[in-house]
Amino acid sequence: MRPLHPIQVKIIYLFWMGNTSVYKIAKNLNEPESKVFYHIKELTKKGFLRRIEKDGKVIYELDKRNLKIEKNKDKIFIFWKLPDAELQL
């Protein structure tokens, strides 16, 4: 898997902080909504986010089954569990 794009790391952080709308994230990052949505879809494919349909709306949220985030003073640590298939050598 390729490293995360800097925008993807920021998106993960913003989801962790509670910003869950593409509009809010795009505004916070000063990026076009289309670019943010592209990265959200990529993060979903990689297993960092999950897509949920709720009351006719599509919601994205952190996939806590694969992801753990910790804050230590001025640093944020993102831990991701590799799928079992990628652990085979």
N, C-alpha and C. Protein backbone atom coordinates (compact mmCIF):
# COMPACT_ATOMS: atom_id res chain seq x y z
N MET A 1 0.84 -1.17 0.00
CA MET A 1 0.00 0.00 0.00
C MET A 1 0.89 1.24 0.00
N ARG A 2 0.46 2.23 -0.76
CA ARG A 2 1.20 3.48 -0.81
C ARG A 2 0.98 4.30 0.46
N PRO A 3 1.93 5.16 0.78
CA PRO A 3 1.75 6.02 1.97
C PRO A 3 0.52 6.91 1.80
N LEU A 4 0.00 7.37 2.90
CA LEU A 4 -1.14 8.27 2.85
C LEU A 4 -0.72 9.64 2.33
N HIS A 5 -1.58 10.23 1.53
CA HIS A 5 -1.38 11.60 1.05
C HIS A 5 -1.58 12.53 2.25
N PRO A 6 -0.86 13.64 2.32
CA PRO A 6 -1.02 14.56 3.47
C PRO A 6 -2.48 14.99 3.69
N ILE A 7 -3.23 15.17 2.62
CA ILE A 7 -4.65 15.53 2.77
C ILE A 7 -5.41 14.40 3.45
N GLN A 8 -5.05 13.15 3.15
CA GLN A 8 -5.73 12.02 3.76
C GLN A 8 -5.47 11.97 5.26
N VAL A 9 -4.26 12.27 5.66
CA VAL A 9 -3.93 12.31 7.10
C VAL A 9 -4.76 13.39 7.78
N LYS A 10 -4.88 14.55 7.15
CA LYS A 10 -5.68 15.64 7.71
C LYS A 10 -7.15 15.27 7.78
N ILE A 11 -7.65 14.56 6.76
CA ILE A 11 -9.05 14.13 6.76
C ILE A 11 -9.31 13.17 7.91
N ILE A 12 -8.41 12.22 8.12
CA ILE A 12 -8.55 11.29 9.24
C ILE A 12 -8.61 12.06 10.55
N TYR A 13 -7.73 13.03 10.72
CA TYR A 13 -7.71 13.84 11.94
C TYR A 13 -9.03 14.59 12.11
N LEU A 14 -9.54 15.17 11.03
CA LEU A 14 -10.78 15.94 11.13
C LEU A 14 -11.98 15.04 11.45
N PHE A 15 -11.99 13.83 10.90
CA PHE A 15 -13.05 12.89 11.27
C PHE A 15 -12.93 12.54 12.75
N TRP A 16 -11.73 12.37 13.22
CA TRP A 16 -11.49 12.06 14.63
C TRP A 16 -11.96 13.20 15.53
N MET A 17 -11.79 14.45 15.05
CA MET A 17 -12.21 15.63 15.81
C MET A 17 -13.72 15.86 15.72
N GLY A 18 -14.40 15.13 14.82
CA GLY A 18 -15.85 15.25 14.75
C GLY A 18 -16.39 15.93 13.50
N ASN A 19 -15.53 16.44 12.61
CA ASN A 19 -16.00 17.04 11.37
C ASN A 19 -16.34 15.92 10.38
N THR A 20 -17.61 15.72 10.09
CA THR A 20 -17.98 14.60 9.26
C THR A 20 -18.59 14.98 7.92
N SER A 21 -18.70 16.24 7.60
CA SER A 21 -19.28 16.60 6.30
C SER A 21 -18.15 16.98 5.34
N VAL A 22 -18.34 16.58 4.09
CA VAL A 22 -17.35 16.91 3.06
C VAL A 22 -17.20 18.42 2.97
N TYR A 23 -18.31 19.13 3.05
CA TYR A 23 -18.28 20.59 2.97
C TYR A 23 -17.41 21.19 4.09
N LYS A 24 -17.63 20.73 5.33
CA LYS A 24 -16.86 21.27 6.47
C LYS A 24 -15.38 20.94 6.34
N ILE A 25 -15.08 19.72 5.91
CA ILE A 25 -13.68 19.32 5.76
C ILE A 25 -13.02 20.13 4.65
N ALA A 26 -13.71 20.29 3.53
CA ALA A 26 -13.16 21.07 2.40
C ALA A 26 -12.90 22.51 2.82
N LYS A 27 -13.84 23.07 3.57
CA LYS A 27 -13.68 24.45 4.04
C LYS A 27 -12.50 24.55 5.00
N ASN A 28 -12.38 23.59 5.91
CA ASN A 28 -11.29 23.60 6.89
C ASN A 28 -9.93 23.46 6.22
N LEU A 29 -9.85 22.62 5.17
CA LEU A 29 -8.58 22.38 4.47
C LEU A 29 -8.34 23.37 3.33
N ASN A 30 -9.34 24.20 3.04
CA ASN A 30 -9.26 25.14 1.92
C ASN A 30 -8.98 24.39 0.60
N GLU A 31 -9.73 23.30 0.42
CA GLU A 31 -9.61 22.47 -0.78
C GLU A 31 -10.98 22.32 -1.41
N PRO A 32 -11.04 22.05 -2.73
CA PRO A 32 -12.35 21.83 -3.37
C PRO A 32 -13.02 20.57 -2.81
N GLU A 33 -14.35 20.61 -2.73
CA GLU A 33 -15.09 19.46 -2.22
C GLU A 33 -14.81 18.21 -3.03
N SER A 34 -14.65 18.36 -4.35
CA SER A 34 -14.39 17.20 -5.20
C SER A 34 -13.07 16.50 -4.83
N LYS A 35 -12.07 17.29 -4.50
CA LYS A 35 -10.78 16.72 -4.10
C LYS A 35 -10.89 16.00 -2.77
N VAL A 36 -11.60 16.60 -1.83
CA VAL A 36 -11.81 15.99 -0.51
C VAL A 36 -12.60 14.69 -0.67
N PHE A 37 -13.64 14.71 -1.50
CA PHE A 37 -14.45 13.52 -1.69
C PHE A 37 -13.62 12.40 -2.33
N TYR A 38 -12.74 12.75 -3.27
CA TYR A 38 -11.85 11.75 -3.87
C TYR A 38 -11.02 11.07 -2.78
N HIS A 39 -10.44 11.85 -1.90
CA HIS A 39 -9.59 11.28 -0.84
C HIS A 39 -10.41 10.49 0.18
N ILE A 40 -11.64 10.91 0.44
CA ILE A 40 -12.52 10.14 1.32
C ILE A 40 -12.81 8.78 0.71
N LYS A 41 -13.07 8.73 -0.60
CA LYS A 41 -13.31 7.45 -1.26
C LYS A 41 -12.06 6.57 -1.20
N GLU A 42 -10.89 7.15 -1.37
CA GLU A 42 -9.64 6.39 -1.30
C GLU A 42 -9.41 5.85 0.12
N LEU A 43 -9.69 6.67 1.12
CA LEU A 43 -9.55 6.21 2.51
C LEU A 43 -10.54 5.09 2.83
N THR A 44 -11.70 5.13 2.20
CA THR A 44 -12.69 4.07 2.38
C THR A 44 -12.18 2.77 1.76
N LYS A 45 -11.61 2.86 0.56
CA LYS A 45 -11.05 1.68 -0.10
C LYS A 45 -9.93 1.06 0.73
N LYS A 46 -9.13 1.90 1.39
CA LYS A 46 -7.99 1.42 2.18
C LYS A 46 -8.41 0.91 3.56
N GLY A 47 -9.67 1.15 3.96
CA GLY A 47 -10.15 0.64 5.24
C GLY A 47 -10.06 1.62 6.40
N PHE A 48 -9.69 2.86 6.14
CA PHE A 48 -9.60 3.86 7.22
C PHE A 48 -10.98 4.43 7.56
N LEU A 49 -11.84 4.55 6.55
CA LEU A 49 -13.20 5.05 6.74
C LEU A 49 -14.18 3.98 6.30
N ARG A 50 -15.40 4.10 6.77
CA ARG A 50 -16.43 3.21 6.26
C ARG A 50 -17.64 4.04 5.84
N ARG A 51 -18.32 3.55 4.82
CA ARG A 51 -19.47 4.22 4.24
C ARG A 51 -20.73 3.58 4.80
N ILE A 52 -21.62 4.43 5.30
CA ILE A 52 -22.87 3.95 5.90
C ILE A 52 -24.03 4.72 5.27
N GLU A 53 -25.07 4.00 4.90
CA GLU A 53 -26.29 4.65 4.43
C GLU A 53 -27.26 4.71 5.59
N LYS A 54 -27.71 5.92 5.90
CA LYS A 54 -28.58 6.12 7.07
C LYS A 54 -29.65 7.14 6.71
N ASP A 55 -30.89 6.74 6.82
CA ASP A 55 -32.02 7.64 6.53
C ASP A 55 -31.91 8.27 5.15
N GLY A 56 -31.48 7.49 4.17
CA GLY A 56 -31.37 7.99 2.79
C GLY A 56 -30.13 8.84 2.54
N LYS A 57 -29.27 8.98 3.52
CA LYS A 57 -28.04 9.77 3.36
C LYS A 57 -26.84 8.84 3.47
N VAL A 58 -25.76 9.24 2.82
CA VAL A 58 -24.50 8.49 2.92
C VAL A 58 -23.61 9.20 3.93
N ILE A 59 -23.14 8.45 4.90
CA ILE A 59 -22.29 8.99 5.96
C ILE A 59 -20.96 8.22 5.95
N TYR A 60 -19.88 8.94 6.12
CA TYR A 60 -18.57 8.32 6.26
C TYR A 60 -18.11 8.54 7.69
N GLU A 61 -17.49 7.50 8.25
CA GLU A 61 -16.95 7.63 9.61
C GLU A 61 -15.67 6.80 9.70
N LEU A 62 -14.89 7.07 10.73
CA LEU A 62 -13.68 6.29 10.96
C LEU A 62 -14.06 4.84 11.19
N ASP A 63 -13.31 3.94 10.58
CA ASP A 63 -13.54 2.51 10.79
C ASP A 63 -12.71 2.08 11.99
N LYS A 64 -13.32 2.10 13.15
CA LYS A 64 -12.60 1.83 14.39
C LYS A 64 -12.20 0.37 14.54
N ARG A 65 -12.69 -0.50 13.64
CA ARG A 65 -12.26 -1.90 13.67
C ARG A 65 -10.80 -2.00 13.19
N ASN A 66 -10.38 -1.09 12.33
CA ASN A 66 -9.04 -1.14 11.75
C ASN A 66 -8.14 0.01 12.20
N LEU A 67 -8.70 0.98 12.90
CA LEU A 67 -7.98 2.22 13.14
C LEU A 67 -8.00 2.58 14.62
N LYS A 68 -6.86 3.06 15.09
CA LYS A 68 -6.77 3.56 16.45
C LYS A 68 -5.99 4.87 16.39
N ILE A 69 -6.49 5.89 17.08
CA ILE A 69 -5.84 7.19 17.07
C ILE A 69 -5.59 7.60 18.52
N GLU A 70 -4.37 8.06 18.77
CA GLU A 70 -4.01 8.53 20.11
C GLU A 70 -3.37 9.90 20.00
N LYS A 71 -3.63 10.72 20.99
CA LYS A 71 -3.03 12.05 21.04
C LYS A 71 -2.11 12.10 22.25
N ASN A 72 -0.89 12.60 22.03
CA ASN A 72 0.10 12.70 23.09
C ASN A 72 0.68 14.11 23.04
N LYS A 73 0.22 14.97 23.92
CA LYS A 73 0.63 16.38 23.96
C LYS A 73 0.43 17.04 22.61
N ASP A 74 1.48 17.20 21.80
CA ASP A 74 1.37 17.92 20.54
C ASP A 74 1.42 17.00 19.31
N LYS A 75 1.31 15.68 19.52
CA LYS A 75 1.40 14.74 18.40
C LYS A 75 0.17 13.84 18.35
N ILE A 76 -0.19 13.47 17.13
CA ILE A 76 -1.27 12.54 16.89
C ILE A 76 -0.67 11.28 16.28
N PHE A 77 -1.03 10.12 16.81
CA PHE A 77 -0.55 8.85 16.29
C PHE A 77 -1.72 8.09 15.68
N ILE A 78 -1.55 7.63 14.44
CA ILE A 78 -2.57 6.87 13.75
C ILE A 78 -2.05 5.45 13.59
N PHE A 79 -2.76 4.49 14.19
CA PHE A 79 -2.39 3.08 14.07
C PHE A 79 -3.43 2.40 13.21
N TRP A 80 -2.97 1.62 12.26
CA TRP A 80 -3.87 0.93 11.35
C TRP A 80 -3.56 -0.54 11.33
N LYS A 81 -4.59 -1.37 11.49
CA LYS A 81 -4.41 -2.81 11.45
C LYS A 81 -4.42 -3.27 10.00
N LEU A 82 -3.35 -3.93 9.59
CA LEU A 82 -3.29 -4.45 8.23
C LEU A 82 -4.26 -5.61 8.07
N PRO A 83 -4.94 -5.68 6.92
CA PRO A 83 -5.78 -6.86 6.66
C PRO A 83 -4.92 -8.12 6.67
N ASP A 84 -5.46 -9.22 7.14
CA ASP A 84 -4.72 -10.48 7.23
C ASP A 84 -4.08 -10.88 5.92
N ALA A 85 -4.71 -10.61 4.81
CA ALA A 85 -4.18 -11.00 3.50
C ALA A 85 -2.83 -10.32 3.23
N GLU A 86 -2.63 -9.10 3.75
CA GLU A 86 -1.39 -8.39 3.51
C GLU A 86 -0.27 -8.85 4.44
N LEU A 87 -0.59 -9.64 5.44
CA LEU A 87 0.44 -10.11 6.37
C LEU A 87 1.18 -11.33 5.85
N GLN A 88 0.62 -11.99 4.87
CA GLN A 88 1.25 -13.18 4.32
C GLN A 88 2.48 -12.78 3.52
N LEU A 89 3.58 -13.51 3.72
CA LEU A 89 4.82 -13.21 3.01
C LEU A 89 5.05 -14.21 1.90
